[in-house]
Amino acid sequence: NIKSTIKERYTQIAGQSREENASSCCGTGGCCTVDYE
């Protein structure tokens, strides 16, 4: 389940730039789990 969550999250991150990922925290449009910056 952890691996499935990782793949889902990083698939979303892959679709955005660094700036977009930073503005949405985790690249999913506003989940803001951790700001990778």
PDB file of all heavy atoms in Angstrom:
ATOM      1  N   ASN A   1       0.829  -1.206   0.000  1.00  0.00           N
ATOM      2  CA  ASN A   1       0.000   0.000   0.000  1.00  0.00           C
ATOM      3  C   ASN A   1       0.861   1.254   0.000  1.00  0.00           C
ATOM      4  O   ASN A   1       0.540   2.252  -0.658  1.00  0.00           O
ATOM      5  CB  ASN A   1      -0.935   0.001   1.203  1.00  0.00           C
ATOM      6  CG  ASN A   1      -2.080  -0.975   1.056  1.00  0.00           C
ATOM      7  OD1 ASN A   1      -2.364  -1.451  -0.040  1.00  0.00           O
ATOM      8  ND2 ASN A   1      -2.742  -1.303   2.160  1.00  0.00           N
ATOM      9  N   ILE A   2       1.958   1.218   0.763  1.00  0.00           N
ATOM     10  CA  ILE A   2       2.880   2.347   0.783  1.00  0.00           C
ATOM     11  C   ILE A   2       3.451   2.587  -0.612  1.00  0.00           C
ATOM     12  O   ILE A   2       3.490   3.712  -1.109  1.00  0.00           O
ATOM     13  CB  ILE A   2       4.017   2.109   1.791  1.00  0.00           C
ATOM     14  CG1 ILE A   2       3.498   2.247   3.227  1.00  0.00           C
ATOM     15  CG2 ILE A   2       5.180   3.059   1.554  1.00  0.00           C
ATOM     16  CD1 ILE A   2       3.107   3.658   3.613  1.00  0.00           C
ATOM     17  N   LYS A   3       3.891   1.509  -1.269  1.00  0.00           N
ATOM     18  CA  LYS A   3       4.463   1.655  -2.610  1.00  0.00           C
ATOM     19  C   LYS A   3       3.422   2.189  -3.599  1.00  0.00           C
ATOM     20  O   LYS A   3       3.748   3.002  -4.467  1.00  0.00           O
ATOM     21  CB  LYS A   3       5.033   0.324  -3.085  1.00  0.00           C
ATOM     22  CG  LYS A   3       6.282  -0.109  -2.329  1.00  0.00           C
ATOM     23  CD  LYS A   3       6.764  -1.478  -2.784  1.00  0.00           C
ATOM     24  CE  LYS A   3       7.938  -1.958  -1.949  1.00  0.00           C
ATOM     25  NZ  LYS A   3       8.415  -3.301  -2.343  1.00  0.00           N
ATOM     26  N   SER A   4       2.195   1.735  -3.465  1.00  0.00           N
ATOM     27  CA  SER A   4       1.133   2.220  -4.341  1.00  0.00           C
ATOM     28  C   SER A   4       0.895   3.711  -4.128  1.00  0.00           C
ATOM     29  O   SER A   4       0.724   4.476  -5.094  1.00  0.00           O
ATOM     30  CB  SER A   4      -0.156   1.436  -4.072  1.00  0.00           C
ATOM     31  OG  SER A   4      -1.222   1.933  -4.862  1.00  0.00           O
ATOM     32  N   THR A   5       0.926   4.147  -2.865  1.00  0.00           N
ATOM     33  CA  THR A   5       0.754   5.565  -2.550  1.00  0.00           C
ATOM     34  C   THR A   5       1.904   6.371  -3.118  1.00  0.00           C
ATOM     35  O   THR A   5       1.713   7.460  -3.674  1.00  0.00           O
ATOM     36  CB  THR A   5       0.662   5.760  -1.026  1.00  0.00           C
ATOM     37  OG1 THR A   5      -0.436   5.012  -0.516  1.00  0.00           O
ATOM     38  CG2 THR A   5       0.476   7.227  -0.676  1.00  0.00           C
ATOM     39  N   ILE A   6       3.120   5.855  -2.987  1.00  0.00           N
ATOM     40  CA  ILE A   6       4.300   6.539  -3.520  1.00  0.00           C
ATOM     41  C   ILE A   6       4.179   6.703  -5.031  1.00  0.00           C
ATOM     42  O   ILE A   6       4.416   7.790  -5.575  1.00  0.00           O
ATOM     43  CB  ILE A   6       5.577   5.754  -3.148  1.00  0.00           C
ATOM     44  CG1 ILE A   6       5.864   5.887  -1.652  1.00  0.00           C
ATOM     45  CG2 ILE A   6       6.783   6.238  -3.969  1.00  0.00           C
ATOM     46  CD1 ILE A   6       6.903   4.920  -1.147  1.00  0.00           C
ATOM     47  N   LYS A   7       3.813   5.630  -5.733  1.00  0.00           N
ATOM     48  CA  LYS A   7       3.699   5.706  -7.190  1.00  0.00           C
ATOM     49  C   LYS A   7       2.636   6.718  -7.605  1.00  0.00           C
ATOM     50  O   LYS A   7       2.845   7.493  -8.539  1.00  0.00           O
ATOM     51  CB  LYS A   7       3.376   4.316  -7.761  1.00  0.00           C
ATOM     52  CG  LYS A   7       4.530   3.333  -7.648  1.00  0.00           C
ATOM     53  CD  LYS A   7       4.169   1.958  -8.173  1.00  0.00           C
ATOM     54  CE  LYS A   7       4.153   1.925  -9.675  1.00  0.00           C
ATOM     55  NZ  LYS A   7       4.010   0.539 -10.184  1.00  0.00           N
ATOM     56  N   GLU A   8       1.515   6.722  -6.899  1.00  0.00           N
ATOM     57  CA  GLU A   8       0.449   7.665  -7.232  1.00  0.00           C
ATOM     58  C   GLU A   8       0.922   9.101  -7.028  1.00  0.00           C
ATOM     59  O   GLU A   8       0.730   9.966  -7.895  1.00  0.00           O
ATOM     60  CB  GLU A   8      -0.779   7.379  -6.370  1.00  0.00           C
ATOM     61  CG  GLU A   8      -1.924   8.338  -6.628  1.00  0.00           C
ATOM     62  CD  GLU A   8      -3.117   8.062  -5.710  1.00  0.00           C
ATOM     63  OE1 GLU A   8      -3.068   7.083  -4.940  1.00  0.00           O
ATOM     64  OE2 GLU A   8      -4.083   8.847  -5.763  1.00  0.00           O
ATOM     65  N   ARG A   9       1.537   9.365  -5.879  1.00  0.00           N
ATOM     66  CA  ARG A   9       1.960  10.727  -5.571  1.00  0.00           C
ATOM     67  C   ARG A   9       3.033  11.209  -6.538  1.00  0.00           C
ATOM     68  O   ARG A   9       2.982  12.322  -7.056  1.00  0.00           O
ATOM     69  CB  ARG A   9       2.474  10.782  -4.132  1.00  0.00           C
ATOM     70  CG  ARG A   9       2.853  12.175  -3.653  1.00  0.00           C
ATOM     71  CD  ARG A   9       1.663  13.116  -3.590  1.00  0.00           C
ATOM     72  NE  ARG A   9       0.515  12.512  -2.944  1.00  0.00           N
ATOM     73  CZ  ARG A   9       0.367  12.412  -1.624  1.00  0.00           C
ATOM     74  NH1 ARG A   9       1.301  12.850  -0.829  1.00  0.00           N
ATOM     75  NH2 ARG A   9      -0.719  11.860  -1.113  1.00  0.00           N
ATOM     76  N   TYR A  10       4.033  10.362  -6.804  1.00  0.00           N
ATOM     77  CA  TYR A  10       5.125  10.813  -7.657  1.00  0.00           C
ATOM     78  C   TYR A  10       4.742  10.833  -9.133  1.00  0.00           C
ATOM     79  O   TYR A  10       5.378  11.529  -9.925  1.00  0.00           O
ATOM     80  CB  TYR A  10       6.386   9.980  -7.387  1.00  0.00           C
ATOM     81  CG  TYR A  10       7.069  10.437  -6.107  1.00  0.00           C
ATOM     82  CD1 TYR A  10       6.705   9.899  -4.875  1.00  0.00           C
ATOM     83  CD2 TYR A  10       8.037  11.432  -6.133  1.00  0.00           C
ATOM     84  CE1 TYR A  10       7.313  10.340  -3.702  1.00  0.00           C
ATOM     85  CE2 TYR A  10       8.641  11.875  -4.973  1.00  0.00           C
ATOM     86  CZ  TYR A  10       8.266  11.331  -3.756  1.00  0.00           C
ATOM     87  OH  TYR A  10       8.843  11.784  -2.607  1.00  0.00           O
ATOM     88  N   THR A  11       3.716  10.110  -9.510  1.00  0.00           N
ATOM     89  CA  THR A  11       3.165  10.270 -10.852  1.00  0.00           C
ATOM     90  C   THR A  11       2.593  11.669 -11.019  1.00  0.00           C
ATOM     91  O   THR A  11       2.801  12.327 -12.053  1.00  0.00           O
ATOM     92  CB  THR A  11       2.068   9.219 -11.117  1.00  0.00           C
ATOM     93  OG1 THR A  11       2.663   7.914 -11.113  1.00  0.00           O
ATOM     94  CG2 THR A  11       1.386   9.453 -12.457  1.00  0.00           C
ATOM     95  N   GLN A  12       1.922  12.156  -9.999  1.00  0.00           N
ATOM     96  CA  GLN A  12       1.369  13.511 -10.042  1.00  0.00           C
ATOM     97  C   GLN A  12       2.479  14.557 -10.046  1.00  0.00           C
ATOM     98  O   GLN A  12       2.430  15.541 -10.789  1.00  0.00           O
ATOM     99  CB  GLN A  12       0.422  13.713  -8.857  1.00  0.00           C
ATOM    100  CG  GLN A  12      -0.823  12.838  -8.932  1.00  0.00           C
ATOM    101  CD  GLN A  12      -1.592  12.791  -7.623  1.00  0.00           C
ATOM    102  OE1 GLN A  12      -1.012  12.866  -6.544  1.00  0.00           O
ATOM    103  NE2 GLN A  12      -2.902  12.644  -7.713  1.00  0.00           N
ATOM    104  N   ILE A  13       3.500  14.329  -9.233  1.00  0.00           N
ATOM    105  CA  ILE A  13       4.621  15.266  -9.178  1.00  0.00           C
ATOM    106  C   ILE A  13       5.338  15.333 -10.520  1.00  0.00           C
ATOM    107  O   ILE A  13       5.768  16.400 -10.963  1.00  0.00           O
ATOM    108  CB  ILE A  13       5.602  14.865  -8.055  1.00  0.00           C
ATOM    109  CG1 ILE A  13       4.956  15.084  -6.678  1.00  0.00           C
ATOM    110  CG2 ILE A  13       6.903  15.646  -8.152  1.00  0.00           C
ATOM    111  CD1 ILE A  13       5.775  14.549  -5.523  1.00  0.00           C
ATOM    112  N   ALA A  14       5.464  14.184 -11.189  1.00  0.00           N
ATOM    113  CA  ALA A  14       6.170  14.140 -12.479  1.00  0.00           C
ATOM    114  C   ALA A  14       5.516  15.025 -13.524  1.00  0.00           C
ATOM    115  O   ALA A  14       6.182  15.494 -14.458  1.00  0.00           O
ATOM    116  CB  ALA A  14       6.231  12.700 -12.988  1.00  0.00           C
ATOM    117  N   GLY A  15       4.233  15.286 -13.367  1.00  0.00           N
ATOM    118  CA  GLY A  15       3.516  16.086 -14.344  1.00  0.00           C
ATOM    119  C   GLY A  15       3.661  17.572 -14.160  1.00  0.00           C
ATOM    120  O   GLY A  15       3.084  18.352 -14.931  1.00  0.00           O
ATOM    121  N   GLN A  16       4.445  18.002 -13.169  1.00  0.00           N
ATOM    122  CA  GLN A  16       4.567  19.424 -12.878  1.00  0.00           C
ATOM    123  C   GLN A  16       6.040  19.832 -12.785  1.00  0.00           C
ATOM    124  O   GLN A  16       6.925  18.996 -12.644  1.00  0.00           O
ATOM    125  CB  GLN A  16       3.852  19.759 -11.555  1.00  0.00           C
ATOM    126  CG  GLN A  16       2.372  19.442 -11.589  1.00  0.00           C
ATOM    127  CD  GLN A  16       1.624  19.944 -10.368  1.00  0.00           C
ATOM    128  OE1 GLN A  16       0.416  19.960 -10.365  1.00  0.00           O
ATOM    129  NE2 GLN A  16       2.329  20.356  -9.337  1.00  0.00           N
ATOM    130  N   SER A  17       6.274  21.115 -12.865  1.00  0.00           N
ATOM    131  CA  SER A  17       7.622  21.664 -12.716  1.00  0.00           C
ATOM    132  C   SER A  17       7.968  21.788 -11.236  1.00  0.00           C
ATOM    133  O   SER A  17       7.111  21.632 -10.360  1.00  0.00           O
ATOM    134  CB  SER A  17       7.691  23.053 -13.359  1.00  0.00           C
ATOM    135  OG  SER A  17       6.895  23.973 -12.610  1.00  0.00           O
ATOM    136  N   ARG A  18       9.228  22.105 -10.966  1.00  0.00           N
ATOM    137  CA  ARG A  18       9.650  22.335  -9.582  1.00  0.00           C
ATOM    138  C   ARG A  18       8.827  23.459  -8.957  1.00  0.00           C
ATOM    139  O   ARG A  18       8.402  23.367  -7.810  1.00  0.00           O
ATOM    140  CB  ARG A  18      11.140  22.676  -9.532  1.00  0.00           C
ATOM    141  CG  ARG A  18      11.623  23.062  -8.141  1.00  0.00           C
ATOM    142  CD  ARG A  18      13.114  23.223  -8.067  1.00  0.00           C
ATOM    143  NE  ARG A  18      13.519  23.601  -6.718  1.00  0.00           N
ATOM    144  CZ  ARG A  18      14.722  23.401  -6.232  1.00  0.00           C
ATOM    145  NH1 ARG A  18      15.653  22.822  -6.971  1.00  0.00           N
ATOM    146  NH2 ARG A  18      15.032  23.791  -5.007  1.00  0.00           N
ATOM    147  N   GLU A  19       8.612  24.542  -9.707  1.00  0.00           N
ATOM    148  CA  GLU A  19       7.867  25.672  -9.164  1.00  0.00           C
ATOM    149  C   GLU A  19       6.420  25.288  -8.838  1.00  0.00           C
ATOM    150  O   GLU A  19       5.878  25.686  -7.811  1.00  0.00           O
ATOM    151  CB  GLU A  19       7.889  26.842 -10.158  1.00  0.00           C
ATOM    152  CG  GLU A  19       9.249  27.506 -10.320  1.00  0.00           C
ATOM    153  CD  GLU A  19      10.219  26.682 -11.163  1.00  0.00           C
ATOM    154  OE1 GLU A  19       9.761  25.770 -11.895  1.00  0.00           O
ATOM    155  OE2 GLU A  19      11.430  26.954 -11.081  1.00  0.00           O
ATOM    156  N   GLU A  20       5.808  24.527  -9.717  1.00  0.00           N
ATOM    157  CA  GLU A  20       4.435  24.073  -9.471  1.00  0.00           C
ATOM    158  C   GLU A  20       4.385  23.139  -8.270  1.00  0.00           C
ATOM    159  O   GLU A  20       3.474  23.215  -7.440  1.00  0.00           O
ATOM    160  CB  GLU A  20       3.875  23.380 -10.710  1.00  0.00           C
ATOM    161  CG  GLU A  20       3.600  24.326 -11.858  1.00  0.00           C
ATOM    162  CD  GLU A  20       3.290  23.588 -13.146  1.00  0.00           C
ATOM    163  OE1 GLU A  20       3.893  22.525 -13.395  1.00  0.00           O
ATOM    164  OE2 GLU A  20       2.453  24.082 -13.913  1.00  0.00           O
ATOM    165  N   ASN A  21       5.370  22.246  -8.151  1.00  0.00           N
ATOM    166  CA  ASN A  21       5.404  21.342  -7.010  1.00  0.00           C
ATOM    167  C   ASN A  21       5.588  22.104  -5.715  1.00  0.00           C
ATOM    168  O   ASN A  21       4.982  21.784  -4.693  1.00  0.00           O
ATOM    169  CB  ASN A  21       6.539  20.321  -7.182  1.00  0.00           C
ATOM    170  CG  ASN A  21       6.223  19.296  -8.234  1.00  0.00           C
ATOM    171  OD1 ASN A  21       5.077  18.919  -8.405  1.00  0.00           O
ATOM    172  ND2 ASN A  21       7.234  18.848  -8.954  1.00  0.00           N
ATOM    173  N   ALA A  22       6.423  23.142  -5.743  1.00  0.00           N
ATOM    174  CA  ALA A  22       6.644  23.930  -4.538  1.00  0.00           C
ATOM    175  C   ALA A  22       5.375  24.674  -4.131  1.00  0.00           C
ATOM    176  O   ALA A  22       5.032  24.739  -2.941  1.00  0.00           O
ATOM    177  CB  ALA A  22       7.783  24.924  -4.756  1.00  0.00           C
ATOM    178  N   SER A  23       4.648  25.208  -5.114  1.00  0.00           N
ATOM    179  CA  SER A  23       3.464  25.996  -4.776  1.00  0.00           C
ATOM    180  C   SER A  23       2.317  25.136  -4.286  1.00  0.00           C
ATOM    181  O   SER A  23       1.459  25.602  -3.548  1.00  0.00           O
ATOM    182  CB  SER A  23       3.011  26.809  -5.996  1.00  0.00           C
ATOM    183  OG  SER A  23       2.549  25.959  -7.028  1.00  0.00           O
ATOM    184  N   SER A  24       2.307  23.847  -4.677  1.00  0.00           N
ATOM    185  CA  SER A  24       1.244  22.960  -4.206  1.00  0.00           C
ATOM    186  C   SER A  24       1.766  21.949  -3.196  1.00  0.00           C
ATOM    187  O   SER A  24       1.098  20.994  -2.871  1.00  0.00           O
ATOM    188  CB  SER A  24       0.585  22.231  -5.376  1.00  0.00           C
ATOM    189  OG  SER A  24       1.498  21.373  -6.012  1.00  0.00           O
ATOM    190  N   CYS A  25       2.942  22.183  -2.678  1.00  0.00           N
ATOM    191  CA  CYS A  25       3.593  21.399  -1.634  1.00  0.00           C
ATOM    192  C   CYS A  25       3.997  20.016  -2.088  1.00  0.00           C
ATOM    193  O   CYS A  25       5.150  19.670  -2.026  1.00  0.00           O
ATOM    194  CB  CYS A  25       2.736  21.295  -0.373  1.00  0.00           C
ATOM    195  SG  CYS A  25       2.496  22.858   0.442  1.00  0.00           S
ATOM    196  N   CYS A  26       3.072  19.197  -2.517  1.00  0.00           N
ATOM    197  CA  CYS A  26       3.467  17.852  -2.915  1.00  0.00           C
ATOM    198  C   CYS A  26       3.062  17.557  -4.338  1.00  0.00           C
ATOM    199  O   CYS A  26       3.073  16.421  -4.766  1.00  0.00           O
ATOM    200  CB  CYS A  26       2.883  16.807  -1.969  1.00  0.00           C
ATOM    201  SG  CYS A  26       1.116  16.837  -1.909  1.00  0.00           S
ATOM    202  N   GLY A  27       2.648  18.580  -5.063  1.00  0.00           N
ATOM    203  CA  GLY A  27       2.409  18.397  -6.480  1.00  0.00           C
ATOM    204  C   GLY A  27       1.058  17.812  -6.811  1.00  0.00           C
ATOM    205  O   GLY A  27       0.817  17.425  -7.925  1.00  0.00           O
ATOM    206  N   THR A  28       0.149  17.769  -5.863  1.00  0.00           N
ATOM    207  CA  THR A  28      -1.141  17.155  -6.135  1.00  0.00           C
ATOM    208  C   THR A  28      -2.268  18.179  -6.131  1.00  0.00           C
ATOM    209  O   THR A  28      -3.426  17.830  -6.008  1.00  0.00           O
ATOM    210  CB  THR A  28      -1.459  16.069  -5.087  1.00  0.00           C
ATOM    211  OG1 THR A  28      -1.566  16.691  -3.817  1.00  0.00           O
ATOM    212  CG2 THR A  28      -0.390  15.003  -5.064  1.00  0.00           C
ATOM    213  N   GLY A  29      -1.919  19.454  -6.233  1.00  0.00           N
ATOM    214  CA  GLY A  29      -2.954  20.467  -6.316  1.00  0.00           C
ATOM    215  C   GLY A  29      -3.421  20.938  -4.968  1.00  0.00           C
ATOM    216  O   GLY A  29      -4.494  21.523  -4.842  1.00  0.00           O
ATOM    217  N   GLY A  30      -2.639  20.738  -3.907  1.00  0.00           N
ATOM    218  CA  GLY A  30      -2.987  21.356  -2.644  1.00  0.00           C
ATOM    219  C   GLY A  30      -3.050  20.445  -1.459  1.00  0.00           C
ATOM    220  O   GLY A  30      -3.654  20.783  -0.452  1.00  0.00           O
ATOM    221  N   CYS A  31      -2.413  19.259  -1.474  1.00  0.00           N
ATOM    222  CA  CYS A  31      -2.463  18.391  -0.291  1.00  0.00           C
ATOM    223  C   CYS A  31      -1.546  18.899   0.812  1.00  0.00           C
ATOM    224  O   CYS A  31      -1.803  18.689   1.980  1.00  0.00           O
ATOM    225  CB  CYS A  31      -2.078  16.957  -0.647  1.00  0.00           C
ATOM    226  SG  CYS A  31      -0.352  16.762  -1.034  1.00  0.00           S
ATOM    227  N   CYS A  32      -0.440  19.564   0.421  1.00  0.00           N
ATOM    228  CA  CYS A  32       0.459  20.200   1.385  1.00  0.00           C
ATOM    229  C   CYS A  32       0.892  19.289   2.514  1.00  0.00           C
ATOM    230  O   CYS A  32       0.921  19.678   3.685  1.00  0.00           O
ATOM    231  CB  CYS A  32      -0.165  21.469   1.958  1.00  0.00           C
ATOM    232  SG  CYS A  32      -0.096  22.853   0.801  1.00  0.00           S
ATOM    233  N   THR A  33       1.232  18.048   2.199  1.00  0.00           N
ATOM    234  CA  THR A  33       1.742  17.146   3.221  1.00  0.00           C
ATOM    235  C   THR A  33       3.086  17.619   3.733  1.00  0.00           C
ATOM    236  O   THR A  33       3.278  17.815   4.917  1.00  0.00           O
ATOM    237  CB  THR A  33       1.891  15.727   2.637  1.00  0.00           C
ATOM    238  OG1 THR A  33       0.633  15.320   2.129  1.00  0.00           O
ATOM    239  CG2 THR A  33       2.348  14.757   3.691  1.00  0.00           C
ATOM    240  N   VAL A  34       4.054  17.767   2.841  1.00  0.00           N
ATOM    241  CA  VAL A  34       5.363  18.310   3.180  1.00  0.00           C
ATOM    242  C   VAL A  34       5.806  19.172   2.017  1.00  0.00           C
ATOM    243  O   VAL A  34       5.694  18.781   0.861  1.00  0.00           O
ATOM    244  CB  VAL A  34       6.405  17.187   3.424  1.00  0.00           C
ATOM    245  CG1 VAL A  34       7.786  17.785   3.624  1.00  0.00           C
ATOM    246  CG2 VAL A  34       6.031  16.359   4.647  1.00  0.00           C
ATOM    247  N   ASP A  35       6.324  20.365   2.314  1.00  0.00           N
ATOM    248  CA  ASP A  35       6.900  21.207   1.287  1.00  0.00           C
ATOM    249  C   ASP A  35       8.318  20.712   1.040  1.00  0.00           C
ATOM    250  O   ASP A  35       9.208  20.902   1.861  1.00  0.00           O
ATOM    251  CB  ASP A  35       6.899  22.662   1.760  1.00  0.00           C
ATOM    252  CG  ASP A  35       7.444  23.617   0.714  1.00  0.00           C
ATOM    253  OD1 ASP A  35       7.993  23.129  -0.296  1.00  0.00           O
ATOM    254  OD2 ASP A  35       7.323  24.833   0.908  1.00  0.00           O
ATOM    255  N   TYR A  36       8.555  20.077  -0.109  1.00  0.00           N
ATOM    256  CA  TYR A  36       9.854  19.474  -0.383  1.00  0.00           C
ATOM    257  C   TYR A  36      10.984  20.506  -0.421  1.00  0.00           C
ATOM    258  O   TYR A  36      12.152  20.159  -0.290  1.00  0.00           O
ATOM    259  CB  TYR A  36       9.811  18.705  -1.707  1.00  0.00           C
ATOM    260  CG  TYR A  36       8.932  17.474  -1.638  1.00  0.00           C
ATOM    261  CD1 TYR A  36       7.667  17.470  -2.209  1.00  0.00           C
ATOM    262  CD2 TYR A  36       9.371  16.328  -0.994  1.00  0.00           C
ATOM    263  CE1 TYR A  36       6.864  16.351  -2.141  1.00  0.00           C
ATOM    264  CE2 TYR A  36       8.568  15.203  -0.924  1.00  0.00           C
ATOM    265  CZ  TYR A  36       7.317  15.215  -1.498  1.00  0.00           C
ATOM    266  OH  TYR A  36       6.509  14.110  -1.420  1.00  0.00           O
ATOM    267  N   GLU A  37      10.628  21.777  -0.590  1.00  0.00           N
ATOM    268  CA  GLU A  37      11.656  22.809  -0.643  1.00  0.00           C
ATOM    269  C   GLU A  37      12.421  22.922   0.676  1.00  0.00           C
ATOM    270  O   GLU A  37      13.540  23.431   0.695  1.00  0.00           O
ATOM    271  CB  GLU A  37      11.029  24.154  -1.010  1.00  0.00           C
ATOM    272  CG  GLU A  37      10.520  24.232  -2.443  1.00  0.00           C
ATOM    273  CD  GLU A  37      11.643  24.192  -3.468  1.00  0.00           C
ATOM    274  OE1 GLU A  37      12.652  24.892  -3.295  1.00  0.00           O
ATOM    275  OE2 GLU A  37      11.500  23.462  -4.463  1.00  0.00           O
TER     276      GLU A  37
END
